[in-house]
């Protein structure tokens, strides 16, 4: 995103509670530029800095609305909003499948009861990873179409591939672990990105 304010607001939105380092990484801007924009949006009442054990920036309600307004301007300038709406609708079944995958990764069946997966059952994990690989392949084509509308969305494909590669190497935390760029973390950010860009409330997805 070329607009500095939009990039920083969006970086905070995707991270929720976001330390400056995360905002810098998501925005693709330098630390000095990010610090300057944070001062501006803080003074504007669009974001607040939380201190304590887990410090970071959070958007206010006004900041979320301003971010969505800027994202809408960016999308409408392409003249291809409907294409992204169609892609988003195609994403939703994949999202439901991914949520089911995460459940099956975290739980497994033992004598008819769901128990926490200790990852001792290698066959169970292989089956879930195989399903993730299939979903990854299906998502790739959809991501390409999204990125053709908004080039900034092209950043997600390599992040998904990196997370999957870690899982293939036996680093199982790269499936669902928060904080790191696990497959789940990247998926959540993509989902939030689409919601913010299209101005959709997450709660309204139930009806779609």
Protein backbone atom coordinates (compact mmCIF):
# COMPACT_ATOMS: atom_id res chain seq x y z
CA UNK A 1 0.00 0.00 0.00
CA UNK A 2 1.45 3.35 -1.01
CA UNK A 3 -0.43 5.50 1.49
CA UNK A 4 1.62 5.49 4.68
CA UNK A 5 -1.29 6.06 7.03
CA UNK A 6 -3.35 3.32 5.40
CA UNK A 7 -0.44 0.89 5.57
CA UNK A 8 0.15 1.47 9.28
CA UNK A 9 -3.53 1.33 10.22
CA UNK A 10 -3.92 -1.86 8.23
CA UNK A 11 -0.81 -3.35 9.83
CA UNK A 12 -2.29 -2.77 13.27
CA UNK A 13 -5.67 -4.17 12.19
CA UNK A 14 -4.13 -7.43 11.01
CA UNK A 15 -2.09 -7.91 14.16
CA UNK A 16 -4.69 -6.93 16.72
CA UNK A 17 -2.40 -5.88 19.56
CA UNK A 18 0.69 -4.97 17.54
CA UNK A 19 4.20 -4.10 18.72
CA UNK A 20 5.98 -1.60 16.49
CA UNK A 21 8.25 -4.28 15.03
CA UNK A 22 5.22 -6.20 13.73
CA UNK A 23 3.73 -3.06 12.21
CA UNK A 24 7.01 -2.34 10.45
CA UNK A 25 7.11 -5.88 9.02
CA UNK A 26 3.50 -5.80 7.81
CA UNK A 27 3.63 -2.30 6.35
CA UNK A 28 6.93 -2.73 4.51
CA UNK A 29 8.00 0.70 5.77
CA UNK A 30 11.03 1.85 7.71
CA UNK A 31 10.93 2.22 11.49
CA UNK A 32 11.28 6.01 11.36
CA UNK A 33 8.34 6.36 8.97
CA UNK A 34 6.19 4.02 11.05
CA UNK A 35 7.00 5.90 14.27
CA UNK A 36 5.97 9.16 12.62
CA UNK A 37 2.65 7.75 11.40
CA UNK A 38 1.93 6.20 14.80
CA UNK A 39 2.26 9.61 16.42
CA UNK A 40 -0.18 11.04 13.89
CA UNK A 41 -2.82 8.34 14.18
CA UNK A 42 -2.45 8.34 17.96
CA UNK A 43 -3.12 12.08 18.05
CA UNK A 44 -6.08 11.52 15.71
CA UNK A 45 -7.64 9.03 18.11
CA UNK A 46 -7.38 6.17 15.64
CA UNK A 47 -5.04 4.03 17.73
CA UNK A 48 -3.87 3.74 21.31
CA UNK A 49 -0.61 2.41 22.76
CA UNK A 50 -1.10 -0.26 25.39
CA UNK A 51 1.63 -0.68 27.99
CA UNK A 52 2.27 -3.45 30.49
CA UNK A 53 3.32 -7.08 30.06
CA UNK A 54 2.14 -7.19 26.43
CA UNK A 55 2.63 -3.70 25.01
CA UNK A 56 1.50 -2.74 21.55
CA UNK A 57 -0.76 -0.58 19.42
CA UNK A 58 -4.49 -1.20 19.05
CA UNK A 59 -7.00 0.47 16.77
CA UNK A 60 -9.93 2.33 18.24
CA UNK A 61 -13.39 1.98 16.69
CA UNK A 62 -12.72 5.20 14.79
CA UNK A 63 -9.39 3.82 13.59
CA UNK A 64 -11.00 0.65 12.25
CA UNK A 65 -13.55 2.72 10.35
CA UNK A 66 -10.87 5.00 8.94
CA UNK A 67 -8.82 1.99 7.86
CA UNK A 68 -11.80 0.45 6.13
CA UNK A 69 -12.51 3.75 4.37
CA UNK A 70 -8.94 3.89 3.06
CA UNK A 71 -9.06 0.24 1.97
CA UNK A 72 -12.35 0.85 0.16
CA UNK A 73 -10.75 3.73 -1.73
CA UNK A 74 -7.84 1.50 -2.71
CA UNK A 75 -10.12 -1.29 -3.93
CA UNK A 76 -12.57 0.97 -5.75
CA UNK A 77 -9.69 2.62 -7.60
CA UNK A 78 -9.03 -0.73 -9.27
CA UNK A 79 -12.56 -0.93 -10.66
CA UNK A 80 -12.55 -4.64 -9.78
CA UNK A 81 -14.39 -4.81 -6.45
CA UNK A 82 -16.83 -7.46 -7.66
CA UNK A 83 -13.98 -9.80 -8.58
CA UNK A 84 -12.69 -9.68 -5.01
CA UNK A 85 -16.22 -10.18 -3.64
CA UNK A 86 -16.53 -13.34 -5.75
CA UNK A 87 -13.11 -14.55 -4.58
CA UNK A 88 -14.06 -13.89 -0.96
CA UNK A 89 -17.26 -15.93 -1.36
CA UNK A 90 -15.14 -18.78 -2.75
CA UNK A 91 -12.77 -18.41 0.20
CA UNK A 92 -15.49 -19.05 2.80
CA UNK A 93 -15.85 -22.82 2.18
CA UNK A 94 -12.06 -23.10 2.35
CA UNK A 95 -12.19 -21.22 5.65
CA UNK A 96 -14.68 -23.71 7.10
CA UNK A 97 -12.47 -26.58 5.95
CA UNK A 98 -9.41 -24.99 7.52
CA UNK A 99 -11.18 -24.51 10.85
CA UNK A 100 -12.13 -28.21 10.77
CA UNK A 101 -8.50 -29.07 9.98
CA UNK A 102 -7.27 -27.09 12.98
CA UNK A 103 -9.74 -28.90 15.23
CA UNK A 104 -8.58 -32.28 13.89
CA UNK A 105 -4.96 -31.22 14.38
CA UNK A 106 -5.50 -30.24 17.99
CA UNK A 107 -7.80 -33.15 18.91
CA UNK A 108 -7.85 -36.82 18.01
CA UNK A 109 -10.22 -39.72 18.63
CA UNK A 110 -9.31 -42.25 21.30
CA UNK A 111 -11.89 -45.00 21.89
CA UNK A 112 -14.65 -42.73 20.62
CA UNK A 113 -13.66 -39.74 22.75
CA UNK A 114 -12.01 -36.52 21.55
CA UNK A 115 -8.74 -35.93 23.42
CA UNK A 116 -5.93 -33.43 23.05
CA UNK A 117 -3.58 -34.52 20.27
CA UNK A 118 -0.17 -35.30 21.76
CA UNK A 119 1.15 -35.95 18.22
CA UNK A 120 2.22 -39.47 19.17
CA UNK A 121 -0.08 -40.87 16.49
CA UNK A 122 2.00 -40.16 13.39
CA UNK A 123 -0.64 -41.62 11.05
CA UNK A 124 -3.30 -39.25 12.37
CA UNK A 125 -0.99 -36.28 11.85
CA UNK A 126 -0.08 -37.43 8.33
CA UNK A 127 -3.75 -37.59 7.37
CA UNK A 128 -4.38 -34.06 8.62
CA UNK A 129 -1.24 -32.70 6.92
CA UNK A 130 -2.33 -34.37 3.65
CA UNK A 131 -5.64 -32.53 3.88
CA UNK A 132 -3.77 -29.30 4.55
CA UNK A 133 -1.64 -29.89 1.45
CA UNK A 134 -4.78 -30.33 -0.66
CA UNK A 135 -6.32 -27.17 0.78
CA UNK A 136 -3.06 -25.30 0.16
CA UNK A 137 -3.14 -26.29 -3.52
CA UNK A 138 -6.75 -25.19 -3.86
CA UNK A 139 -6.03 -21.88 -2.13
CA UNK A 140 -3.06 -21.07 -4.38
CA UNK A 141 -5.18 -20.43 -7.47
CA UNK A 142 -7.61 -18.31 -5.48
CA UNK A 143 -4.77 -16.26 -3.99
CA UNK A 144 -3.42 -15.58 -7.48
CA UNK A 145 -6.79 -14.18 -8.51
CA UNK A 146 -7.01 -12.03 -5.40
CA UNK A 147 -3.51 -10.69 -5.99
CA UNK A 148 -4.40 -9.78 -9.58
CA UNK A 149 -6.97 -7.37 -8.10
CA UNK A 150 -4.84 -6.11 -5.20
CA UNK A 151 -1.10 -6.83 -5.64
CA UNK A 152 -0.45 -6.43 -1.90
CA UNK A 153 -2.35 -9.71 -1.35
CA UNK A 154 0.46 -11.53 -3.16
CA UNK A 155 2.40 -11.46 0.13
CA UNK A 156 0.28 -14.27 1.56
CA UNK A 157 1.21 -17.09 -0.83
CA UNK A 158 4.91 -17.27 0.13
CA UNK A 159 4.03 -17.02 3.81
CA UNK A 160 1.65 -19.98 3.52
CA UNK A 161 4.28 -21.95 1.63
CA UNK A 162 6.92 -21.19 4.25
CA UNK A 163 4.67 -22.33 7.09
CA UNK A 164 3.78 -25.55 5.26
CA UNK A 165 7.45 -26.21 4.58
CA UNK A 166 8.19 -25.98 8.31
CA UNK A 167 5.39 -28.49 9.00
CA UNK A 168 6.88 -30.83 6.39
CA UNK A 169 10.21 -30.59 8.21
CA UNK A 170 8.61 -31.83 11.41
CA UNK A 171 8.22 -28.42 13.06
CA UNK A 172 4.62 -29.14 13.99
CA UNK A 173 4.09 -25.86 15.84
CA UNK A 174 4.01 -24.15 12.44
CA UNK A 175 0.54 -25.56 11.85
CA UNK A 176 -1.45 -23.65 14.49
CA UNK A 177 0.85 -21.94 17.00
CA UNK A 178 0.06 -18.25 17.60
CA UNK A 179 2.70 -15.47 17.67
CA UNK A 180 4.89 -17.16 15.03
CA UNK A 181 3.93 -17.03 11.33
CA UNK A 182 2.24 -20.44 11.49
CA UNK A 183 -0.26 -21.49 8.82
CA UNK A 184 -3.06 -20.54 11.21
CA UNK A 185 -1.55 -17.11 11.91
CA UNK A 186 -1.23 -16.32 8.20
CA UNK A 187 -4.74 -17.66 7.53
CA UNK A 188 -6.21 -15.45 10.24
CA UNK A 189 -4.46 -12.40 8.78
CA UNK A 190 -5.69 -13.17 5.25
CA UNK A 191 -9.23 -13.60 6.53
CA UNK A 192 -9.06 -10.35 8.49
CA UNK A 193 -7.54 -8.61 5.47
CA UNK A 194 -10.48 -9.63 3.29
CA UNK A 195 -13.01 -8.56 5.91
CA UNK A 196 -11.35 -5.18 6.35
CA UNK A 197 -10.90 -4.59 2.62
CA UNK A 198 -14.52 -5.44 1.81
CA UNK A 199 -15.95 -3.79 4.94
CA UNK A 200 -17.56 -7.02 6.19
CA UNK A 201 -18.27 -7.78 9.84
CA UNK A 202 -16.98 -11.20 10.85
CA UNK A 203 -20.29 -11.98 12.59
CA UNK A 204 -22.18 -11.52 9.32
CA UNK A 205 -20.37 -14.48 7.71
CA UNK A 206 -22.76 -16.90 9.38
CA UNK A 207 -25.47 -15.76 7.01
CA UNK A 208 -23.34 -16.08 3.85
